[in-house]
């Protein structure tokens, strides 16, 4: 093998952090697991969630940092859609509870079993 092939191969392997790579299994995964467990043990739930989010973004943008803006944009878009759907569900539940209360009160008035 030529020196260029060896350099390119080494560069490729140092830039990739696949889920089956040694860097992921023996360095990244234990650090992430123990840090998350420590934060969870200390009952810092929001910080542990933020740490896991940051860690996942680190893994997915390790080889190509250009992926990070795409991932962040999709994450914000998903959060916005989920929040708006939750608001719609809350409004539906409010109407449903009010109508149930109304039916219950009229049921007592008209003695409907």
Foldseek 3Di string as FASTA:
>chain_A
DDPVVVVVVVVVLVQADDCPDPCCPPPLVVVLVVVLVVCVVVVVVVVSVVSVVVSVLCNVCSNPVVCNVVVVVVVVVVVVVVVVVVVVVVVVVVVVVVVVVVVVVVCVVVVPD
